Structures are given as C-alpha cells and as structure tokens.
Protein backbone atom coordinates (compact mmCIF):
# COMPACT_ATOMS: atom_id res chain seq x y z
CA MET A 1 69.49 84.72 83.86
CA GLN A 2 69.05 81.82 86.28
CA PRO A 3 68.95 82.46 90.04
CA LEU A 4 72.51 82.63 91.44
CA GLU A 5 73.92 82.42 87.91
CA ILE A 6 77.72 82.22 88.08
CA GLY A 7 79.35 84.98 86.09
CA VAL A 8 82.81 86.47 85.67
CA PHE A 9 83.92 90.10 85.80
CA LEU A 10 85.17 90.69 82.26
CA CYS A 11 88.58 92.05 83.28
CA SER A 12 89.27 89.03 85.51
CA THR A 13 90.44 87.00 82.54
CA GLY A 14 93.57 89.15 82.42
CA ILE A 15 92.85 89.89 78.75
CA GLU A 16 92.93 93.64 78.09
CA ASP A 17 90.86 93.61 74.89
CA PRO A 18 87.20 93.42 76.01
CA PHE A 19 86.14 91.69 72.83
CA GLU A 20 88.75 88.95 73.25
CA SER A 21 87.75 88.63 76.89
CA ILE A 22 84.12 88.13 75.86
CA LYS A 23 85.25 85.32 73.56
CA LYS A 24 87.18 83.70 76.43
CA LEU A 25 84.15 83.79 78.74
CA HIS A 26 82.10 82.16 75.98
CA GLU A 27 84.72 79.39 75.74
CA LEU A 28 84.42 78.89 79.51
CA GLY A 29 80.63 78.57 79.30
CA ILE A 30 79.97 81.77 81.25
CA LYS A 31 76.58 83.36 80.63
CA VAL A 32 76.73 86.57 82.67
CA THR A 33 79.38 89.25 83.12
CA GLN A 34 80.03 92.75 84.37
CA PHE A 35 81.73 95.18 82.01
CA PRO A 36 84.92 96.62 83.54
CA PRO A 37 86.09 100.21 84.00
CA ILE A 38 87.52 101.43 80.73
CA SER A 39 89.02 104.63 79.32
CA PRO A 40 86.41 107.35 78.64
CA GLU A 41 87.70 107.43 75.05
CA PHE A 42 85.99 104.05 74.58
CA TYR A 43 82.56 105.61 75.18
CA THR A 44 81.51 105.96 71.55
CA ALA A 45 78.24 104.93 69.93
CA GLY A 46 80.16 102.60 67.64
CA ASN A 47 81.81 100.76 70.52
CA ALA A 48 78.50 100.53 72.38
CA ALA A 49 76.95 98.79 69.38
CA LYS A 50 79.96 96.48 69.02
CA VAL A 51 79.93 95.47 72.70
CA LYS A 52 76.18 94.86 72.68
CA ALA A 53 76.51 92.69 69.56
CA ALA A 54 79.53 90.77 70.89
CA LEU A 55 77.77 89.93 74.15
CA ALA A 56 74.62 88.83 72.33
CA GLU A 57 76.59 86.66 69.91
CA ALA A 58 78.41 85.00 72.84
CA GLY A 59 75.14 84.44 74.72
CA ILE A 60 76.40 86.49 77.66
CA GLU A 61 74.11 88.80 79.63
CA PRO A 62 75.58 92.00 81.10
CA ALA A 63 74.71 92.38 84.78
CA ALA A 64 76.34 95.79 85.26
CA MET A 65 78.96 98.16 83.96
CA PHE A 66 81.69 99.32 86.31
CA VAL A 67 82.99 102.87 86.04
CA GLY A 68 86.43 104.12 87.00
CA PHE A 69 88.27 107.39 86.54
CA PRO A 70 91.71 108.41 85.27
CA GLY A 71 94.19 108.77 88.10
CA GLU A 72 92.59 106.33 90.53
CA SER A 73 94.89 104.00 92.46
CA TYR A 74 94.16 101.02 94.70
CA ALA A 75 97.81 100.45 95.61
CA SER A 76 97.29 101.25 99.30
CA MET A 77 94.66 102.50 101.74
CA GLN A 78 96.12 106.01 101.50
CA ALA A 79 96.13 105.88 97.69
CA VAL A 80 92.46 104.89 97.68
CA ALA A 81 91.55 107.73 100.06
CA GLU A 82 93.45 110.27 97.95
CA THR A 83 92.45 109.20 94.44
CA VAL A 84 89.26 107.13 94.26
CA GLY A 85 85.70 108.18 93.52
CA PHE A 86 83.74 111.38 93.96
CA VAL A 87 85.35 112.59 97.19
CA ILE A 88 88.36 114.29 95.59
CA PRO A 89 87.21 117.95 95.46
CA ASP A 90 89.26 119.10 92.46
CA LYS A 91 88.15 116.04 90.42
CA VAL A 92 84.42 116.12 91.15
CA GLU A 93 83.21 118.07 88.12
CA GLU A 94 85.29 116.01 85.67
CA ARG A 95 84.28 112.71 87.23
CA VAL A 96 80.57 113.47 87.34
CA GLU A 97 80.79 114.29 83.64
CA ILE A 98 82.60 111.01 82.93
CA ALA A 99 80.02 109.08 85.00
CA LYS A 100 77.19 110.60 82.99
CA GLU A 101 78.98 109.76 79.74
CA ALA A 102 79.32 106.19 81.03
CA ILE A 103 75.62 106.04 81.87
CA GLU A 104 74.67 107.17 78.38
CA TRP A 105 77.12 104.72 76.81
CA GLY A 106 75.98 101.89 79.07
CA SER A 107 72.39 102.53 78.09
CA GLN A 108 73.35 102.26 74.40
CA ALA A 109 75.32 99.06 75.08
CA GLY A 110 72.42 97.38 76.89
CA MET A 111 73.81 97.60 80.42
CA PRO A 112 71.08 97.45 83.11
CA GLY A 113 73.04 99.60 85.54
CA ILE A 114 76.40 101.02 86.52
CA ALA A 115 78.50 100.32 89.58
CA MET A 116 81.59 101.88 91.13
CA HIS A 117 83.62 102.71 94.20
CA ILE A 118 82.46 106.21 95.10
CA GLY A 119 85.35 106.77 97.55
CA PHE A 120 85.53 106.73 101.32
CA VAL A 121 82.24 108.03 102.76
CA PRO A 122 83.01 110.21 105.82
CA HIS A 123 81.98 108.66 109.14
CA ASP A 124 80.71 112.06 110.30
CA THR A 125 77.46 112.90 108.53
CA GLY A 126 78.13 116.56 109.38
CA ASP A 127 81.31 116.54 107.32
CA PRO A 128 80.91 118.84 104.27
CA VAL A 129 82.26 116.03 102.06
CA TYR A 130 79.39 113.81 103.21
CA GLY A 131 76.82 116.38 102.11
CA MET A 132 78.68 116.93 98.84
CA LEU A 133 78.68 113.19 98.18
CA ILE A 134 74.95 112.91 98.86
CA GLY A 135 74.29 115.64 96.30
CA ILE A 136 76.56 114.07 93.69
CA MET A 137 75.07 110.63 94.15
CA ARG A 138 71.52 111.90 93.86
CA ASP A 139 72.46 113.59 90.58
CA VAL A 140 74.15 110.48 89.19
CA ALA A 141 71.38 108.16 90.41
CA ASP A 142 68.79 110.38 88.73
CA ALA A 143 70.78 110.25 85.47
CA CYS A 144 70.67 106.45 85.72
CA LYS A 145 66.95 106.39 86.44
CA ALA A 146 66.21 108.61 83.43
CA ARG A 147 67.58 105.76 81.30
CA GLY A 148 65.91 102.97 83.26
CA MET A 149 69.16 101.97 84.94
CA TYR A 150 70.26 101.31 88.51
CA PHE A 151 73.36 102.45 90.38
CA ALA A 152 75.26 99.97 92.58
CA LEU A 153 77.69 101.00 95.30
CA GLU A 154 80.69 98.68 95.57
CA THR A 155 81.32 97.55 99.14
CA GLY A 156 84.59 97.60 101.01
CA GLN A 157 85.24 101.10 102.19
CA GLU A 158 82.33 101.27 104.65
CA SER A 159 80.85 98.91 107.22
CA ALA A 160 77.39 97.47 106.60
CA GLU A 161 75.90 99.92 109.12
CA GLU A 162 77.56 102.92 107.45
CA LEU A 163 76.49 101.77 104.00
CA LEU A 164 72.84 101.36 104.99
CA SER A 165 72.85 104.77 106.65
CA PHE A 166 74.22 106.35 103.47
CA LEU A 167 71.64 104.59 101.25
CA THR A 168 68.85 105.82 103.52
CA ALA A 169 70.16 109.39 103.35
CA LEU A 170 70.27 109.23 99.53
CA GLU A 171 66.50 108.72 99.25
CA ARG A 172 66.78 107.10 95.82
CA ASP A 173 65.00 103.85 94.95
CA ASN A 174 67.36 102.86 92.13
CA VAL A 175 70.53 102.74 94.23
CA PHE A 176 71.63 99.29 95.40
CA ILE A 177 74.77 97.43 96.49
CA ASN A 178 77.26 95.33 94.58
CA PHE A 179 78.43 93.22 97.51
CA ASP A 180 82.09 92.20 97.51
CA PRO A 181 82.80 90.12 100.65
CA ALA A 182 86.56 90.17 100.10
CA ASN A 183 86.67 93.97 99.98
CA LEU A 184 85.24 94.14 103.49
CA ILE A 185 88.20 92.01 104.57
CA LEU A 186 90.83 93.74 102.42
CA TYR A 187 89.86 97.14 103.82
CA GLY A 188 89.49 95.75 107.35
CA LYS A 189 85.90 97.04 107.56
CA ASP A 190 83.47 94.24 108.42
CA LYS A 191 82.75 90.52 108.61
CA PRO A 192 81.30 89.40 105.25
CA VAL A 193 78.65 86.93 106.43
CA GLU A 194 77.22 89.21 109.12
CA ALA A 195 77.43 92.23 106.82
CA PHE A 196 75.53 90.48 104.04
CA LYS A 197 72.76 89.50 106.41
CA ALA A 198 72.42 93.18 107.34
CA VAL A 199 72.39 94.63 103.81
CA GLY A 200 71.28 91.68 101.66
CA HIS A 201 67.88 93.24 100.98
CA LYS A 202 69.68 96.06 99.12
CA VAL A 203 72.12 93.85 97.17
CA ILE A 204 71.63 93.60 93.41
CA SER A 205 74.79 91.66 92.52
CA ILE A 206 77.69 89.95 94.25
CA HIS A 207 81.42 89.82 93.56
CA CYS A 208 82.79 86.44 94.52
CA LYS A 209 86.33 87.26 95.58
CA ASP A 210 88.41 86.05 98.52
CA GLY A 211 90.96 87.75 100.71
CA ILE A 212 93.02 87.84 103.89
CA TRP A 213 92.68 90.50 106.59
CA PRO A 214 95.33 93.26 106.76
CA THR A 215 98.23 92.51 109.09
CA GLU A 216 99.10 96.16 109.74
CA ALA A 217 96.93 99.18 110.49
CA GLY A 218 96.43 101.40 107.44
CA GLN A 219 97.41 98.64 105.02
CA LEU A 220 95.21 96.66 102.63
CA GLY A 221 94.78 92.92 102.99
CA SER A 222 95.71 90.39 100.30
CA GLU A 223 93.51 88.94 97.57
CA VAL A 224 93.75 85.16 97.11
CA PRO A 225 91.97 82.58 94.90
CA LEU A 226 88.36 81.84 95.77
CA GLY A 227 88.12 79.44 98.70
CA GLU A 228 91.66 80.08 99.96
CA GLY A 229 90.95 83.20 102.02
CA GLN A 230 88.95 84.25 105.05
CA VAL A 231 85.54 84.97 103.50
CA ASN A 232 84.31 81.43 104.34
CA PHE A 233 82.30 80.87 101.16
CA PRO A 234 80.22 77.95 102.46
CA ALA A 235 78.88 80.20 105.22
CA PHE A 236 78.63 83.19 102.88
CA ILE A 237 76.60 81.40 100.20
CA ALA A 238 74.39 79.93 102.93
CA ALA A 239 73.70 83.51 104.08
CA VAL A 240 73.03 84.59 100.50
CA LYS A 241 70.38 81.88 100.15
CA GLU A 242 68.97 82.59 103.61
CA VAL A 243 68.39 86.25 102.71
CA GLY A 244 66.69 85.19 99.47
CA PHE A 245 69.12 86.80 97.06
CA ILE A 246 68.69 85.42 93.51
CA GLY A 247 70.96 87.69 91.47
CA PRO A 248 74.29 86.79 89.86
CA LEU A 249 77.41 85.53 91.62
CA VAL A 250 80.17 87.24 89.64
CA ILE A 251 83.69 85.89 90.10
CA GLU A 252 86.31 88.62 90.36
CA ARG A 253 90.05 87.89 90.27
CA GLU A 254 92.28 90.96 90.30
CA ALA A 255 95.65 89.32 91.00
CA GLY A 256 97.64 86.17 90.34
CA ASP A 257 99.44 84.59 87.40
CA ASN A 258 96.78 81.95 86.65
CA ARG A 259 93.61 83.96 86.21
CA ILE A 260 91.72 81.40 84.10
CA GLY A 261 92.69 78.56 86.43
CA ASP A 262 91.57 80.59 89.44
CA ILE A 263 88.27 81.43 87.71
CA LEU A 264 87.60 77.75 87.01
CA GLN A 265 88.50 76.83 90.59
CA GLY A 266 86.11 79.47 91.87
CA LYS A 267 83.36 78.39 89.49
CA ALA A 268 83.63 74.78 90.70
CA LEU A 269 83.46 75.92 94.32
CA LEU A 270 80.40 78.07 93.75
CA GLU A 271 78.65 75.29 91.79
CA SER A 272 79.13 73.00 94.77
CA LEU A 273 77.60 75.54 97.16
CA ARG A 274 74.60 76.94 95.25
C-alpha cells in the first residue's frame, strides 16, 4: 500500500453483494478497501476463503473490517444512543460474542484489524457504563491482539479530548482510531481539522466523508458528496500530512443516488490534494 493510498469502503458502491462490489472497485482502479459490517451468518470459513481470494484476484488490499450488530440504527441521535455498540446492557453478551466471531473470521479472511462504533462513551468516567465499556473493550482488544490484529474506534460520538482520554484508560497498545471527519460534524461533536491534529498520532485509517452540521439540537447533520460539505478537505488533508499520517484515505459514501459518481468525484478531489 502506498502512503495515503485512496481506497473505498466496500459498501459505498451501493452494491449489496460484497463479491460484486469487489469487482466494481477493481473496475474503478481502487487498490485498498475496508470490508463492511455484514450479517453474522456470513462468518463462515468458506466465505472467509472466498473473500480473501476475491480481494487478492482483484489486487485490492483490505485495510480493516467493520463490525456491526443486528438491531443497530443510525436514523437519529436517539436511535444511535439506544441501539449502537457495546453500551446497550441487555445486548452486551451477544454482541461481544459476535465481535469475537468477527475477529476470528477476519483473521481467516486476511483482515489486519477490525473497526466499529462502540456506542456513546459516557462523559462521566465514574458512570458504571464507562467502567463496563472499558472492560469489554479490553477483552475485545485482547482477542484481536491474540490474532495479530488491531482494533480501531470509529470517530463521531466523542470529541477528540474524550476519545484520547478513553484510549489512555484502555491501556491497550493495539487500539487505534479510524478517523471520520464528517462524523464529528454529523454528530455535532468537534471540528475535524483541529480534532485530527489532536489525535492524529493514534489514527490508523481515515474515512473520507463530508457532511453538514446539524441544524437542530439532538438531530444528526447531513452527509453530502466529498468536497461539498463543511469538512474543508484542503485544510484537512494538509493537517493529515502535517501530522505525518501515511495510512489509507478510504472514501465512504452512505447516501445519495449516484454512489459511483460521488466516489469518482471524491477520488479526483483527494488525488489533487495528496
């Protein structure tokens, strides 16, 4: 992988079949991807071998594997708080088991690490949920390390300061950040350029996505094509280079009716800024 290699999140093509999506990325000349959240039923040894072979045949390197859970919703801020990650008490045991299945599967499929939204981390470190989350994350991070893998926290639901504090409390050297500048805007949490400068030394990969700040308290902002939102990608990529980050720049497009066109537009923008 070249420094600042431009990749595409596999699900951003809008093609549900991962194997067809891999073929599309190959057609677009993409050489790095992140594998998307997928149903736990997909985690079979046969599918791991098929995915590994399909990526190799297409000349595409996997940068990470994202993990999601049944029942999660990103429809609103409240939905995220009530359904996402490891902070839903009655879902913890099931989700830790799924995460460990994903780690094992990802190892078989040649994924270097897994990434996910772990849910809203409580602001109060004395909150019992905070302590519970620390314990869960140490367990999951250790499961990753046993297979030579890393764990990446997806940004958005915490400020840069809160995220660094949580990483310090974890005391695990294989936990990093997948930095999504748009998420910080969509959740109304932080300014992307300043936040990256603060946490860039812990970033292992970047989602290149754009967005517009929320207009109402408690509501999510809006995702827009790369370069059309409020991230300010010229300033953001300048900060990325200033910090010395050399990992992949992975385009993510979760909305819109012209996913491939938006991906190509984003790729051209990033190529002009690297």
